[in-house]
PDB file of N, CA and C in Angstrom:
ATOM      1  N   MET A   1      45.567 138.934 184.003  1.00  0.00           N
ATOM      2  CA  MET A   1      46.032 138.103 182.926  1.00  0.00           C
ATOM      3  C   MET A   1      46.285 138.978 181.700  1.00  0.00           C
ATOM      4  N   ARG A   2      47.374 138.733 181.030  1.00  0.00           N
ATOM      5  CA  ARG A   2      47.698 139.481 179.818  1.00  0.00           C
ATOM      6  C   ARG A   2      47.243 138.680 178.604  1.00  0.00           C
ATOM      7  N   MET A   3      46.694 139.380 177.608  1.00  0.00           N
ATOM      8  CA  MET A   3      46.208 138.721 176.394  1.00  0.00           C
ATOM      9  C   MET A   3      47.014 139.213 175.199  1.00  0.00           C
ATOM     10  N   PHE A   4      47.418 138.288 174.358  1.00  0.00           N
ATOM     11  CA  PHE A   4      48.178 138.630 173.164  1.00  0.00           C
ATOM     12  C   PHE A   4      47.506 138.021 171.933  1.00  0.00           C
ATOM     13  N   VAL A   5      47.469 138.779 170.861  1.00  0.00           N
ATOM     14  CA  VAL A   5      46.983 138.291 169.576  1.00  0.00           C
ATOM     15  C   VAL A   5      48.035 138.668 168.548  1.00  0.00           C
ATOM     16  N   ALA A   6      48.579 137.673 167.887  1.00  0.00           N
ATOM     17  CA  ALA A   6      49.601 137.885 166.851  1.00  0.00           C
ATOM     18  C   ALA A   6      50.739 138.778 167.353  1.00  0.00           C
ATOM     19  N   GLY A   7      51.139 138.540 168.589  1.00  0.00           N
ATOM     20  CA  GLY A   7      52.267 139.269 169.149  1.00  0.00           C
ATOM     21  C   GLY A   7      51.937 140.641 169.701  1.00  0.00           C
ATOM     22  N   GLN A   8      50.674 141.072 169.628  1.00  0.00           N
ATOM     23  CA  GLN A   8      50.283 142.372 170.170  1.00  0.00           C
ATOM     24  C   GLN A   8      49.463 142.154 171.431  1.00  0.00           C
ATOM     25  N   GLU A   9      49.754 142.956 172.450  1.00  0.00           N
ATOM     26  CA  GLU A   9      48.995 142.844 173.692  1.00  0.00           C
ATOM     27  C   GLU A   9      47.670 143.578 173.568  1.00  0.00           C
ATOM     28  N   ALA A  10      46.607 142.886 173.968  1.00  0.00           N
ATOM     29  CA  ALA A  10      45.272 143.481 173.956  1.00  0.00           C
ATOM     30  C   ALA A  10      44.946 143.967 175.363  1.00  0.00           C
ATOM     31  N   HIS A  11      44.485 145.198 175.466  1.00  0.00           N
ATOM     32  CA  HIS A  11      44.125 145.786 176.757  1.00  0.00           C
ATOM     33  C   HIS A  11      42.609 145.862 176.848  1.00  0.00           C
ATOM     34  N   GLY A  12      41.981 144.752 177.137  1.00  0.00           N
ATOM     35  CA  GLY A  12      40.528 144.712 177.287  1.00  0.00           C
ATOM     36  C   GLY A  12      39.867 143.835 176.241  1.00  0.00           C
ATOM     37  N   ASP A  13      38.599 143.533 176.494  1.00  0.00           N
ATOM     38  CA  ASP A  13      37.847 142.627 175.636  1.00  0.00           C
ATOM     39  C   ASP A  13      37.661 143.152 174.221  1.00  0.00           C
ATOM     40  N   ILE A  14      37.324 144.426 174.093  1.00  0.00           N
ATOM     41  CA  ILE A  14      37.072 144.977 172.762  1.00  0.00           C
ATOM     42  C   ILE A  14      38.354 145.002 171.948  1.00  0.00           C
ATOM     43  N   GLU A  15      39.453 145.410 172.557  1.00  0.00           N
ATOM     44  CA  GLU A  15      40.719 145.421 171.827  1.00  0.00           C
ATOM     45  C   GLU A  15      41.122 143.996 171.429  1.00  0.00           C
ATOM     46  N   PHE A  16      40.848 143.017 172.290  1.00  0.00           N
ATOM     47  CA  PHE A  16      41.138 141.623 171.954  1.00  0.00           C
ATOM     48  C   PHE A  16      40.337 141.206 170.724  1.00  0.00           C
ATOM     49  N   ALA A  17      39.045 141.512 170.710  1.00  0.00           N
ATOM     50  CA  ALA A  17      38.197 141.161 169.563  1.00  0.00           C
ATOM     51  C   ALA A  17      38.670 141.867 168.297  1.00  0.00           C
ATOM     52  N   GLU A  18      39.054 143.140 168.426  1.00  0.00           N
ATOM     53  CA  GLU A  18      39.538 143.885 167.253  1.00  0.00           C
ATOM     54  C   GLU A  18      40.805 143.252 166.687  1.00  0.00           C
ATOM     55  N   LEU A  19      41.722 142.875 167.560  1.00  0.00           N
ATOM     56  CA  LEU A  19      42.957 142.260 167.096  1.00  0.00           C
ATOM     57  C   LEU A  19      42.709 140.868 166.519  1.00  0.00           C
ATOM     58  N   ALA A  20      41.866 140.093 167.174  1.00  0.00           N
ATOM     59  CA  ALA A  20      41.617 138.719 166.735  1.00  0.00           C
ATOM     60  C   ALA A  20      40.825 138.672 165.434  1.00  0.00           C
ATOM     61  N   LEU A  21      39.833 139.546 165.297  1.00  0.00           N
ATOM     62  CA  LEU A  21      38.958 139.505 164.124  1.00  0.00           C
ATOM     63  C   LEU A  21      39.354 140.496 163.042  1.00  0.00           C
ATOM     64  N   GLY A  22      40.169 141.475 163.393  1.00  0.00           N
ATOM     65  CA  GLY A  22      40.535 142.484 162.408  1.00  0.00           C
ATOM     66  C   GLY A  22      39.411 143.468 162.123  1.00  0.00           C
ATOM     67  N   ILE A  23      38.499 143.619 163.058  1.00  0.00           N
ATOM     68  CA  ILE A  23      37.340 144.499 162.890  1.00  0.00           C
ATOM     69  C   ILE A  23      37.450 145.649 163.889  1.00  0.00           C
ATOM     70  N   ASP A  24      37.395 146.878 163.388  1.00  0.00           N
ATOM     71  CA  ASP A  24      37.408 148.060 164.246  1.00  0.00           C
ATOM     72  C   ASP A  24      35.974 148.294 164.740  1.00  0.00           C
ATOM     73  N   VAL A  25      35.724 148.004 166.001  1.00  0.00           N
ATOM     74  CA  VAL A  25      34.381 148.078 166.561  1.00  0.00           C
ATOM     75  C   VAL A  25      33.787 149.472 166.391  1.00  0.00           C
ATOM     76  N   ASP A  26      34.551 150.515 166.703  1.00  0.00           N
ATOM     77  CA  ASP A  26      34.025 151.880 166.590  1.00  0.00           C
ATOM     78  C   ASP A  26      33.647 152.238 165.154  1.00  0.00           C
ATOM     79  N   LEU A  27      34.333 151.681 164.178  1.00  0.00           N
ATOM     80  CA  LEU A  27      34.013 151.973 162.780  1.00  0.00           C
ATOM     81  C   LEU A  27      32.615 151.483 162.442  1.00  0.00           C
ATOM     82  N   PHE A  28      32.253 150.305 162.884  1.00  0.00           N
ATOM     83  CA  PHE A  28      30.958 149.732 162.530  1.00  0.00           C
ATOM     84  C   PHE A  28      29.861 150.079 163.521  1.00  0.00           C
ATOM     85  N   ARG A  29      30.181 150.170 164.801  1.00  0.00           N
ATOM     86  CA  ARG A  29      29.194 150.466 165.836  1.00  0.00           C
ATOM     87  C   ARG A  29      29.007 151.964 166.014  1.00  0.00           C
ATOM     88  N   GLY A  30      30.081 152.687 165.875  1.00  0.00           N
ATOM     89  CA  GLY A  30      30.079 154.112 166.160  1.00  0.00           C
ATOM     90  C   GLY A  30      30.803 154.366 167.466  1.00  0.00           C
ATOM     91  N   PRO A  31      31.415 155.536 167.600  1.00  0.00           N
ATOM     92  CA  PRO A  31      32.169 155.836 168.817  1.00  0.00           C
ATOM     93  C   PRO A  31      31.238 156.098 169.996  1.00  0.00           C
ATOM     94  N   LEU A  32      31.786 156.003 171.195  1.00  0.00           N
ATOM     95  CA  LEU A  32      30.989 156.275 172.392  1.00  0.00           C
ATOM     96  C   LEU A  32      30.821 157.772 172.628  1.00  0.00           C
ATOM     97  N   GLU A  33      31.710 158.578 172.040  1.00  0.00           N
ATOM     98  CA  GLU A  33      31.607 160.020 172.212  1.00  0.00           C
ATOM     99  C   GLU A  33      30.904 160.649 171.002  1.00  0.00           C
ATOM    100  N   PHE A  34      30.613 161.919 171.115  1.00  0.00           N
ATOM    101  CA  PHE A  34      29.887 162.647 170.073  1.00  0.00           C
ATOM    102  C   PHE A  34      30.661 162.655 168.761  1.00  0.00           C
ATOM    103  N   GLU A  35      29.933 162.527 167.661  1.00  0.00           N
ATOM    104  CA  GLU A  35      30.522 162.720 166.335  1.00  0.00           C
ATOM    105  C   GLU A  35      29.574 163.602 165.536  1.00  0.00           C
ATOM    106  N   THR A  36      30.138 164.440 164.695  1.00  0.00           N
ATOM    107  CA  THR A  36      29.321 165.330 163.883  1.00  0.00           C
ATOM    108  C   THR A  36      28.624 164.522 162.796  1.00  0.00           C
ATOM    109  N   ASP A  37      27.658 165.146 162.125  1.00  0.00           N
ATOM    110  CA  ASP A  37      26.964 164.469 161.027  1.00  0.00           C
ATOM    111  C   ASP A  37      27.939 164.097 159.917  1.00  0.00           C
ATOM    112  N   GLY A  38      28.893 164.973 159.632  1.00  0.00           N
ATOM    113  CA  GLY A  38      29.886 164.703 158.602  1.00  0.00           C
ATOM    114  C   GLY A  38      30.801 163.551 158.970  1.00  0.00           C
ATOM    115  N   GLU A  39      31.221 163.525 160.234  1.00  0.00           N
ATOM    116  CA  GLU A  39      32.073 162.422 160.701  1.00  0.00           C
ATOM    117  C   GLU A  39      31.312 161.098 160.638  1.00  0.00           C
ATOM    118  N   ARG A  40      30.039 161.131 161.053  1.00  0.00           N
ATOM    119  CA  ARG A  40      29.235 159.918 161.020  1.00  0.00           C
ATOM    120  C   ARG A  40      29.039 159.440 159.590  1.00  0.00           C
ATOM    121  N   ALA A  41      28.760 160.348 158.678  1.00  0.00           N
ATOM    122  CA  ALA A  41      28.568 159.966 157.273  1.00  0.00           C
ATOM    123  C   ALA A  41      29.836 159.351 156.692  1.00  0.00           C
ATOM    124  N   ALA A  42      30.993 159.941 156.987  1.00  0.00           N
ATOM    125  CA  ALA A  42      32.266 159.407 156.490  1.00  0.00           C
ATOM    126  C   ALA A  42      32.542 158.028 157.089  1.00  0.00           C
ATOM    127  N   ARG A  43      32.292 157.873 158.389  1.00  0.00           N
ATOM    128  CA  ARG A  43      32.504 156.580 159.048  1.00  0.00           C
ATOM    129  C   ARG A  43      31.586 155.516 158.458  1.00  0.00           C
ATOM    130  N   GLU A  44      30.308 155.866 158.268  1.00  0.00           N
ATOM    131  CA  GLU A  44      29.359 154.898 157.718  1.00  0.00           C
ATOM    132  C   GLU A  44      29.690 154.532 156.280  1.00  0.00           C
ATOM    133  N   ASP A  45      30.170 155.499 155.477  1.00  0.00           N
ATOM    134  CA  ASP A  45      30.606 155.198 154.105  1.00  0.00           C
ATOM    135  C   ASP A  45      31.769 154.211 154.103  1.00  0.00           C
ATOM    136  N   ALA A  46      32.752 154.463 154.973  1.00  0.00           N
ATOM    137  CA  ALA A  46      33.909 153.560 155.061  1.00  0.00           C
ATOM    138  C   ALA A  46      33.468 152.176 155.526  1.00  0.00           C
ATOM    139  N   ALA A  47      32.575 152.125 156.504  1.00  0.00           N
ATOM    140  CA  ALA A  47      32.094 150.841 157.013  1.00  0.00           C
ATOM    141  C   ALA A  47      31.355 150.074 155.916  1.00  0.00           C
ATOM    142  N   ARG A  48      30.534 150.760 155.133  1.00  0.00           N
ATOM    143  CA  ARG A  48      29.820 150.101 154.027  1.00  0.00           C
ATOM    144  C   ARG A  48      30.796 149.532 153.003  1.00  0.00           C
ATOM    145  N   ASP A  49      31.837 150.302 152.664  1.00  0.00           N
ATOM    146  CA  ASP A  49      32.839 149.832 151.698  1.00  0.00           C
ATOM    147  C   ASP A  49      33.574 148.593 152.212  1.00  0.00           C
ATOM    148  N   ILE A  50      33.973 148.632 153.475  1.00  0.00           N
ATOM    149  CA  ILE A  50      34.696 147.503 154.054  1.00  0.00           C
ATOM    150  C   ILE A  50      33.787 146.286 154.150  1.00  0.00           C
ATOM    151  N   LEU A  51      32.539 146.494 154.538  1.00  0.00           N
ATOM    152  CA  LEU A  51      31.588 145.389 154.629  1.00  0.00           C
ATOM    153  C   LEU A  51      31.349 144.775 153.249  1.00  0.00           C
ATOM    154  N   ALA A  52      31.254 145.601 152.231  1.00  0.00           N
ATOM    155  CA  ALA A  52      31.084 145.090 150.863  1.00  0.00           C
ATOM    156  C   ALA A  52      32.298 144.259 150.448  1.00  0.00           C
ATOM    157  N   ASP A  53      33.496 144.723 150.799  1.00  0.00           N
ATOM    158  CA  ASP A  53      34.719 143.960 150.495  1.00  0.00           C
ATOM    159  C   ASP A  53      34.720 142.617 151.219  1.00  0.00           C
ATOM    160  N   LEU A  54      34.332 142.621 152.493  1.00  0.00           N
ATOM    161  CA  LEU A  54      34.284 141.371 153.255  1.00  0.00           C
ATOM    162  C   LEU A  54      33.287 140.393 152.647  1.00  0.00           C
ATOM    163  N   ARG A  55      32.138 140.905 152.223  1.00  0.00           N
ATOM    164  CA  ARG A  55      31.132 140.037 151.605  1.00  0.00           C
ATOM    165  C   ARG A  55      31.630 139.469 150.281  1.00  0.00           C
ATOM    166  N   ALA A  56      32.339 140.289 149.517  1.00  0.00           N
ATOM    167  CA  ALA A  56      32.893 139.815 148.246  1.00  0.00           C
ATOM    168  C   ALA A  56      33.940 138.727 148.485  1.00  0.00           C
ATOM    169  N   GLU A  57      34.793 138.930 149.483  1.00  0.00           N
ATOM    170  CA  GLU A  57      35.795 137.917 149.821  1.00  0.00           C
ATOM    171  C   GLU A  57      35.130 136.636 150.299  1.00  0.00           C
ATOM    172  N   ALA A  58      34.050 136.776 151.061  1.00  0.00           N
ATOM    173  CA  ALA A  58      33.320 135.604 151.537  1.00  0.00           C
ATOM    174  C   ALA A  58      32.691 134.853 150.357  1.00  0.00           C
ATOM    175  N   ALA A  59      32.136 135.582 149.411  1.00  0.00           N
ATOM    176  CA  ALA A  59      31.532 134.955 148.239  1.00  0.00           C
ATOM    177  C   ALA A  59      32.578 134.230 147.397  1.00  0.00           C
ATOM    178  N   ALA A  60      33.820 134.699 147.472  1.00  0.00           N
ATOM    179  CA  ALA A  60      34.917 134.072 146.722  1.00  0.00           C
ATOM    180  C   ALA A  60      35.492 132.870 147.474  1.00  0.00           C
ATOM    181  N   GLY A  61      34.923 132.551 148.654  1.00  0.00           N
ATOM    182  CA  GLY A  61      35.350 131.365 149.378  1.00  0.00           C
ATOM    183  C   GLY A  61      36.119 131.595 150.653  1.00  0.00           C
ATOM    184  N   ASP A  62      36.327 132.835 151.065  1.00  0.00           N
ATOM    185  CA  ASP A  62      37.067 133.123 152.295  1.00  0.00           C
ATOM    186  C   ASP A  62      36.104 133.037 153.484  1.00  0.00           C
ATOM    187  N   GLU A  63      36.165 131.925 154.200  1.00  0.00           N
ATOM    188  CA  GLU A  63      35.240 131.693 155.314  1.00  0.00           C
ATOM    189  C   GLU A  63      35.446 132.695 156.448  1.00  0.00           C
ATOM    190  N   VAL A  64      36.697 133.045 156.735  1.00  0.00           N
ATOM    191  CA  VAL A  64      36.984 134.003 157.804  1.00  0.00           C
ATOM    192  C   VAL A  64      36.369 135.365 157.467  1.00  0.00           C
ATOM    193  N   ALA A  65      36.498 135.788 156.221  1.00  0.00           N
ATOM    194  CA  ALA A  65      35.892 137.060 155.807  1.00  0.00           C
ATOM    195  C   ALA A  65      34.377 136.996 155.956  1.00  0.00           C
ATOM    196  N   GLY A  66      33.799 135.829 155.720  1.00  0.00           N
ATOM    197  CA  GLY A  66      32.353 135.670 155.894  1.00  0.00           C
ATOM    198  C   GLY A  66      31.924 135.875 157.334  1.00  0.00           C
ATOM    199  N   TRP A  67      32.679 135.284 158.259  1.00  0.00           N
ATOM    200  CA  TRP A  67      32.369 135.477 159.673  1.00  0.00           C
ATOM    201  C   TRP A  67      32.614 136.920 160.091  1.00  0.00           C
ATOM    202  N   ASP A  68      33.681 137.511 159.595  1.00  0.00           N
ATOM    203  CA  ASP A  68      33.962 138.925 159.890  1.00  0.00           C
ATOM    204  C   ASP A  68      32.833 139.813 159.373  1.00  0.00           C
ATOM    205  N   ALA A  69      32.322 139.493 158.194  1.00  0.00           N
ATOM    206  CA  ALA A  69      31.219 140.280 157.616  1.00  0.00           C
ATOM    207  C   ALA A  69      29.976 140.182 158.494  1.00  0.00           C
ATOM    208  N   LEU A  70      29.687 138.984 158.990  1.00  0.00           N
ATOM    209  CA  LEU A  70      28.525 138.819 159.875  1.00  0.00           C
ATOM    210  C   LEU A  70      28.681 139.636 161.156  1.00  0.00           C
ATOM    211  N   TYR A  71      29.886 139.606 161.733  1.00  0.00           N
ATOM    212  CA  TYR A  71      30.149 140.355 162.961  1.00  0.00           C
ATOM    213  C   TYR A  71      30.054 141.863 162.706  1.00  0.00           C
ATOM    214  N   ALA A  72      30.684 142.325 161.636  1.00  0.00           N
ATOM    215  CA  ALA A  72      30.658 143.751 161.312  1.00  0.00           C
ATOM    216  C   ALA A  72      29.233 144.209 161.029  1.00  0.00           C
ATOM    217  N   ASP A  73      28.473 143.398 160.305  1.00  0.00           N
ATOM    218  CA  ASP A  73      27.087 143.749 160.007  1.00  0.00           C
ATOM    219  C   ASP A  73      26.261 143.845 161.283  1.00  0.00           C
ATOM    220  N   ALA A  74      26.479 142.923 162.212  1.00  0.00           N
ATOM    221  CA  ALA A  74      25.763 142.976 163.492  1.00  0.00           C
ATOM    222  C   ALA A  74      26.121 144.246 164.266  1.00  0.00           C
ATOM    223  N   LEU A  75      27.383 144.651 164.210  1.00  0.00           N
ATOM    224  CA  LEU A  75      27.794 145.875 164.900  1.00  0.00           C
ATOM    225  C   LEU A  75      27.091 147.108 164.331  1.00  0.00           C
ATOM    226  N   THR A  76      26.822 147.110 163.024  1.00  0.00           N
ATOM    227  CA  THR A  76      26.163 148.279 162.424  1.00  0.00           C
ATOM    228  C   THR A  76      24.734 148.432 162.921  1.00  0.00           C
ATOM    229  N   ARG A  77      24.190 147.374 163.489  1.00  0.00           N
ATOM    230  CA  ARG A  77      22.808 147.406 163.979  1.00  0.00           C
ATOM    231  C   ARG A  77      22.723 147.685 165.477  1.00  0.00           C
ATOM    232  N   THR A  78      23.839 148.039 166.090  1.00  0.00           N
ATOM    233  CA  THR A  78      23.845 148.351 167.515  1.00  0.00           C
ATOM    234  C   THR A  78      24.051 149.849 167.714  1.00  0.00           C
ATOM    235  N   VAL A  79      23.649 150.316 168.862  1.00  0.00           N
ATOM    236  CA  VAL A  79      23.860 151.720 169.226  1.00  0.00           C
ATOM    237  C   VAL A  79      24.502 151.722 170.605  1.00  0.00           C
ATOM    238  N   PRO A  80      25.658 152.338 170.745  1.00  0.00           N
ATOM    239  CA  PRO A  80      26.275 152.392 172.072  1.00  0.00           C
ATOM    240  C   PRO A  80      25.318 153.005 173.083  1.00  0.00           C
ATOM    241  N   PHE A  81      25.239 152.415 174.256  1.00  0.00           N
ATOM    242  CA  PHE A  81      24.316 152.872 175.287  1.00  0.00           C
ATOM    243  C   PHE A  81      24.495 154.344 175.610  1.00  0.00           C
ATOM    244  N   LEU A  82      25.727 154.795 175.751  1.00  0.00           N
ATOM    245  CA  LEU A  82      25.962 156.195 176.113  1.00  0.00           C
ATOM    246  C   LEU A  82      25.424 157.133 175.051  1.00  0.00           C
ATOM    247  N   ARG A  83      25.565 156.772 173.769  1.00  0.00           N
ATOM    248  CA  ARG A  83      25.063 157.620 172.700  1.00  0.00           C
ATOM    249  C   ARG A  83      23.539 157.616 172.686  1.00  0.00           C
ATOM    250  N   SER A  84      22.904 156.464 172.914  1.00  0.00           N
ATOM    251  CA  SER A  84      21.450 156.399 172.890  1.00  0.00           C
ATOM    252  C   SER A  84      20.843 157.209 174.027  1.00  0.00           C
ATOM    253  N   VAL A  85      21.492 157.242 175.188  1.00  0.00           N
ATOM    254  CA  VAL A  85      21.006 158.047 176.309  1.00  0.00           C
ATOM    255  C   VAL A  85      21.090 159.524 175.952  1.00  0.00           C
ATOM    256  N   ARG A  86      22.202 159.942 175.329  1.00  0.00           N
ATOM    257  CA  ARG A  86      22.384 161.347 174.951  1.00  0.00           C
ATOM    258  C   ARG A  86      21.304 161.773 173.958  1.00  0.00           C
ATOM    259  N   VAL A  87      21.010 160.932 172.966  1.00  0.00           N
ATOM    260  CA  VAL A  87      19.999 161.253 171.961  1.00  0.00           C
ATOM    261  C   VAL A  87      18.633 161.322 172.612  1.00  0.00           C
ATOM    262  N   HIS A  88      18.329 160.387 173.505  1.00  0.00           N
ATOM    263  CA  HIS A  88      17.037 160.380 174.190  1.00  0.00           C
ATOM    264  C   HIS A  88      16.858 161.639 175.020  1.00  0.00           C
ATOM    265  N   ARG A  89      17.883 161.994 175.766  1.00  0.00           N
ATOM    266  CA  ARG A  89      17.789 163.188 176.603  1.00  0.00           C
ATOM    267  C   ARG A  89      17.684 164.443 175.756  1.00  0.00           C
ATOM    268  N   ALA A  90      18.371 164.473 174.642  1.00  0.00           N
ATOM    269  CA  ALA A  90      18.301 165.647 173.770  1.00  0.00           C
ATOM    270  C   ALA A  90      16.888 165.817 173.231  1.00  0.00           C
ATOM    271  N   GLY A  91      16.224 164.710 172.946  1.00  0.00           N
ATOM    272  CA  GLY A  91      14.859 164.773 172.420  1.00  0.00           C
ATOM    273  C   GLY A  91      13.840 165.204 173.450  1.00  0.00           C
ATOM    274  N   THR A  92      14.121 165.017 174.728  1.00  0.00           N
ATOM    275  CA  THR A  92      13.175 165.363 175.784  1.00  0.00           C
ATOM    276  C   THR A  92      13.457 166.723 176.408  1.00  0.00           C
ATOM    277  N   GLY A  93      14.545 167.335 175.982  1.00  0.00           N
ATOM    278  CA  GLY A  93      14.909 168.615 176.552  1.00  0.00           C
ATOM    279  C   GLY A  93      15.717 168.475 177.833  1.00  0.00           C
ATOM    280  N   GLU A  94      15.915 167.233 178.284  1.00  0.00           N
ATOM    281  CA  GLU A  94      16.688 166.975 179.484  1.00  0.00           C
ATOM    282  C   GLU A  94      18.174 167.132 179.185  1.00  0.00           C
ATOM    283  N   ALA A  95      18.931 167.690 180.114  1.00  0.00           N
ATOM    284  CA  ALA A  95      20.367 167.897 179.902  1.00  0.00           C
ATOM    285  C   ALA A  95      21.081 166.566 179.749  1.00  0.00           C
ATOM    286  N   ALA A  96      21.958 166.469 178.744  1.00  0.00           N
ATOM    287  CA  ALA A  96      22.671 165.206 178.505  1.00  0.00           C
ATOM    288  C   ALA A  96      23.871 165.090 179.355  1.00  0.00           C
TER     289      ALA A  96
END
């Protein structure tokens, strides 16, 4: 089955959610592959700024921005499984 959001084809569940909600999952959750400390800091700074904007829009009465803010905030509290395994193995000396 093909999925379209606003005329764009979504290739998978995450892309569908990104198109439908306007939220970049990797920006708030973090990428599945390795990122340097600098890349992570820049990504987290951008995510904080966008989340603050969404919260401000929600406070001004934009209900959709409020729901987007809740979703984005929840994503910031998750850790991709592949990344958590790599960190765990690195801490134990086991090859990642």
